[in-house]
Structure formats: structure tokens, C-alpha cells
Amino acid sequence: MEINVELLKKIKALSEDPGTTEGERQAARKKLLSLLEQAEIDPRDLESDEEIYHILKLKGRLTDLEFRLAVQILGMVQNKRKEIRMGYFSPKAKRGLRFRCTEAQAIRFNILFPYYLIAFRKGVEDYMLAFMQSNNLFPEAPSDRSNEDFTPEDLEKMMQILKMSQGIKPTPRPALRLNG
């Protein structure tokens, strides 16, 4: 679920605004509590603008590209292009990301990064298949599978990969020289 922390803060401000009617304040409080509950966010997390260090535990190591994705998402969450502070909690083991931001920004990052990491990894896999197709990196022997073995989903996926491969310029093959 996409969490818009700024929207939550605006609804919170509306729920406390003396310029609104009691009915509007109650409706805003009710909506705010509902959204916070859905996102499993403590209402106190919206209070502070103080930046502190947070840790996102990882199940495995990130590649360099995945780490760059994390930095990019943190920059988006913080609305910054520079001065993004992120590193590994344990640089040797690379088991967790350590970053500095507000509680609300950390909540948003902790939701968005795992979501986009899954999509990124899937995209890298698709790119690899398209690269192999563009460069014809297959054995010359025909495949053992017949067209009847493919599901409609398999065929749709193959068409997507084929279209993607058309946008990749094939890498020239090196000349093979036999020493002898």
C-alpha cells in the first residue's frame, strides 16, 4: 500500500484546525485513524521532524545496483538530490541499511524499498533474457519443447521479452582464434 505521509499530515492538521467545524474535525480524525491503522503506523510517528538513524534489516546482500536503488528511493522520500546519508549497518556483513531521516520518511521508505526491490529484480531478470535473445546466446540444437508445452502466459511473456530485445543493440561477437 502506497503511503502518502504528507497527506496524512494534512488530514491530521485538518482534524486539529479550529477553523473547521466539529463534524469536519471528527471526519478527518476518523479518516486519519483508518489510514494509520491500514498502514500499521503509530499516530505519534507523524509528530516529529527530527532526523534520526534508522535500520532496515535485509535478508541477504544487495548488489551495487540494488544499493543505488535504495539511495534513489530514500532521496525521493526525503525530496533531496544530495546529502543522502545511507550505508550498511554492518559494512562487513551488509545485513542492514542504516539511514538518517524522520520517522515518517522511514515508514515510507520501509514500505517503498522492498516493493520496488522485488520489481527491480524481476526487471533485471527480464533484461537478461532480452539481452540473450538480442545476442542470440542459445545453442544451435533445437529445443526439446514443442509449442504445445507453453501456456498463454508463457507466450505473452516471450512476446514481451522479444519486444524488449528489439531495443537492445546486439554486441558484436569476438573473433575466435585457435592457437596452434
Protein backbone atom coordinates (compact mmCIF):
# COMPACT_ATOMS: atom_id res chain seq x y z
CA MET A 1 0.00 0.00 0.00
CA GLU A 2 1.38 3.41 -1.03
CA ILE A 3 1.53 5.72 1.98
CA ASN A 4 1.50 9.47 1.37
CA VAL A 5 2.89 10.85 4.61
CA GLU A 6 2.27 14.44 3.56
CA LEU A 7 -1.42 13.63 3.01
CA LEU A 8 -1.58 12.03 6.45
CA LYS A 9 -0.07 15.17 7.98
CA LYS A 10 -2.60 17.37 6.15
CA ILE A 11 -5.51 15.25 7.35
CA LYS A 12 -4.07 15.42 10.87
CA ALA A 13 -3.79 19.22 10.63
CA LEU A 14 -7.39 19.39 9.39
CA SER A 15 -8.53 17.24 12.33
CA GLU A 16 -6.97 19.80 14.72
CA ASP A 17 -7.84 23.01 12.84
CA PRO A 18 -10.06 25.31 14.93
CA GLY A 19 -11.28 26.92 11.69
CA THR A 20 -13.15 23.76 10.69
CA THR A 21 -16.48 22.57 12.01
CA GLU A 22 -16.63 19.88 14.69
CA GLY A 23 -18.09 17.49 12.09
CA GLU A 24 -15.18 18.12 9.71
CA ARG A 25 -12.65 17.59 12.50
CA GLN A 26 -14.34 14.33 13.54
CA ALA A 27 -14.49 13.09 9.94
CA ALA A 28 -10.80 13.97 9.46
CA ARG A 29 -9.83 12.18 12.72
CA LYS A 30 -11.82 9.12 11.70
CA LYS A 31 -10.21 9.03 8.23
CA LEU A 32 -6.74 9.60 9.70
CA LEU A 33 -7.09 6.77 12.22
CA SER A 34 -8.40 4.46 9.49
CA LEU A 35 -5.43 5.21 7.19
CA LEU A 36 -2.93 4.88 10.02
CA GLU A 37 -4.42 1.55 11.07
CA GLN A 38 -4.34 0.22 7.48
CA ALA A 39 -0.67 1.15 7.19
CA GLU A 40 0.14 -0.02 10.75
CA ILE A 41 1.53 3.40 11.65
CA ASP A 42 1.56 4.81 15.17
CA PRO A 43 -0.02 8.32 15.14
CA ARG A 44 2.95 9.64 17.15
CA ASP A 45 5.22 8.87 14.20
CA LEU A 46 3.73 11.83 12.32
CA GLU A 47 4.69 14.31 15.05
CA SER A 48 8.46 14.67 14.77
CA ASP A 49 10.50 16.30 12.01
CA GLU A 50 13.76 15.31 13.75
CA GLU A 51 16.08 13.21 11.62
CA ILE A 52 17.43 10.15 13.40
CA TYR A 53 19.16 6.95 12.27
CA HIS A 54 17.00 4.01 11.21
CA ILE A 55 17.90 0.46 10.23
CA LEU A 56 16.17 -1.69 7.63
CA LYS A 57 17.17 -5.32 8.14
CA LEU A 58 17.93 -7.27 4.98
CA LYS A 59 17.53 -10.98 4.33
CA GLY A 60 20.54 -11.02 2.04
CA ARG A 61 23.11 -8.75 0.48
CA LEU A 62 22.27 -6.05 -2.03
CA THR A 63 24.09 -5.73 -5.32
CA ASP A 64 25.63 -2.36 -6.14
CA LEU A 65 22.64 -1.56 -8.36
CA GLU A 66 20.18 -2.51 -5.62
CA PHE A 67 22.04 -0.25 -3.17
CA ARG A 68 21.79 2.58 -5.70
CA LEU A 69 18.05 1.89 -5.93
CA ALA A 70 17.80 2.21 -2.12
CA VAL A 71 19.63 5.55 -2.20
CA GLN A 72 17.37 6.75 -5.03
CA ILE A 73 14.21 5.83 -3.13
CA LEU A 74 15.47 7.46 0.07
CA GLY A 75 16.22 10.61 -1.94
CA MET A 76 12.68 10.52 -3.34
CA VAL A 77 11.18 10.03 0.14
CA GLN A 78 13.27 12.89 1.55
CA ASN A 79 12.76 15.03 -1.57
CA LYS A 80 16.56 15.51 -1.80
CA ARG A 81 19.05 15.11 -4.60
CA LYS A 82 22.15 15.47 -2.46
CA GLU A 83 23.23 14.84 1.11
CA ILE A 84 21.52 11.45 1.31
CA ARG A 85 23.01 9.52 4.19
CA MET A 86 22.85 5.77 3.79
CA GLY A 87 25.23 2.93 4.46
CA TYR A 88 25.32 -0.61 5.73
CA PHE A 89 24.60 -1.17 9.42
CA SER A 90 27.31 -3.80 9.42
CA PRO A 91 29.61 -2.96 6.49
CA LYS A 92 31.29 -6.40 6.53
CA ALA A 93 28.11 -8.46 6.59
CA LYS A 94 25.91 -5.96 4.69
CA ARG A 95 22.90 -7.25 6.63
CA GLY A 96 21.07 -3.98 7.11
CA LEU A 97 20.76 -0.49 5.70
CA ARG A 98 21.40 2.41 8.05
CA PHE A 99 19.97 5.76 7.04
CA ARG A 100 19.09 9.11 8.55
CA CYS A 101 15.61 10.60 8.15
CA THR A 102 12.42 11.44 10.04
CA GLU A 103 10.12 8.73 11.42
CA ALA A 104 7.51 9.46 8.75
CA GLN A 105 10.12 9.22 5.99
CA ALA A 106 11.44 5.95 7.42
CA ILE A 107 7.92 4.49 7.37
CA ARG A 108 7.52 5.45 3.73
CA PHE A 109 11.00 4.13 2.79
CA ASN A 110 10.39 0.83 4.62
CA ILE A 111 7.24 0.32 2.54
CA LEU A 112 8.54 1.51 -0.83
CA PHE A 113 12.03 -0.01 -0.95
CA PRO A 114 11.07 -3.69 -0.51
CA TYR A 115 8.23 -3.21 -3.02
CA TYR A 116 10.45 -1.66 -5.70
CA LEU A 117 13.32 -4.06 -4.95
CA ILE A 118 11.12 -7.00 -5.98
CA ALA A 119 10.08 -5.20 -9.18
CA PHE A 120 13.70 -4.23 -9.89
CA ARG A 121 14.94 -7.80 -9.52
CA LYS A 122 12.21 -9.00 -11.88
CA GLY A 123 13.17 -6.29 -14.37
CA VAL A 124 16.84 -7.33 -14.26
CA GLU A 125 15.82 -10.92 -14.98
CA ASP A 126 13.68 -9.78 -17.93
CA TYR A 127 16.55 -7.65 -19.25
CA MET A 128 18.92 -10.62 -19.07
CA LEU A 129 16.51 -12.74 -21.14
CA ALA A 130 16.12 -9.91 -23.68
CA PHE A 131 19.92 -9.47 -23.84
CA MET A 132 20.37 -13.20 -24.51
CA GLN A 133 17.70 -13.01 -27.23
CA SER A 134 19.21 -9.89 -28.85
CA ASN A 135 22.66 -11.50 -28.96
CA ASN A 136 21.36 -14.97 -29.92
CA LEU A 137 23.13 -16.65 -27.00
CA PHE A 138 21.49 -20.03 -27.47
CA PRO A 139 22.73 -23.45 -28.57
CA GLU A 140 22.29 -24.30 -32.24
CA ALA A 141 20.48 -27.54 -31.36
CA PRO A 142 16.70 -27.18 -31.42
CA SER A 143 14.81 -27.08 -28.13
CA ASP A 144 13.12 -30.21 -26.83
CA ARG A 145 9.97 -28.23 -26.00
CA SER A 146 7.18 -28.00 -28.54
CA ASN A 147 4.86 -25.01 -28.84
CA GLU A 148 2.17 -27.08 -27.14
CA ASP A 149 4.18 -27.02 -23.87
CA PHE A 150 3.74 -23.26 -23.44
CA THR A 151 0.87 -21.69 -21.54
CA PRO A 152 -0.74 -18.47 -22.84
CA GLU A 153 1.12 -16.65 -20.04
CA ASP A 154 4.43 -18.16 -21.23
CA LEU A 155 3.74 -17.00 -24.79
CA GLU A 156 2.79 -13.49 -23.62
CA LYS A 157 5.99 -13.28 -21.56
CA MET A 158 8.07 -14.44 -24.55
CA MET A 159 6.49 -11.73 -26.70
CA GLN A 160 7.33 -9.08 -24.08
CA ILE A 161 10.93 -10.28 -23.94
CA LEU A 162 11.14 -10.33 -27.75
CA LYS A 163 9.89 -6.71 -27.94
CA MET A 164 12.37 -5.67 -25.26
CA SER A 165 15.21 -7.42 -27.10
CA GLN A 166 14.49 -5.38 -30.23
CA GLY A 167 15.56 -2.27 -28.31
CA ILE A 168 18.93 -3.76 -27.39
CA LYS A 169 21.78 -3.35 -29.86
CA PRO A 170 23.48 -6.72 -30.32
CA THR A 171 27.07 -6.91 -29.16
CA PRO A 172 29.44 -7.97 -31.97
CA ARG A 173 30.88 -11.41 -31.39
CA PRO A 174 34.63 -11.55 -30.86
CA ALA A 175 36.74 -13.28 -33.46
CA LEU A 176 37.63 -16.74 -32.21
CA ARG A 177 41.26 -17.63 -32.87
CA LEU A 178 42.73 -21.03 -32.33
CA ASN A 179 46.35 -21.02 -31.23
CA GLY A 180 48.23 -23.92 -32.53
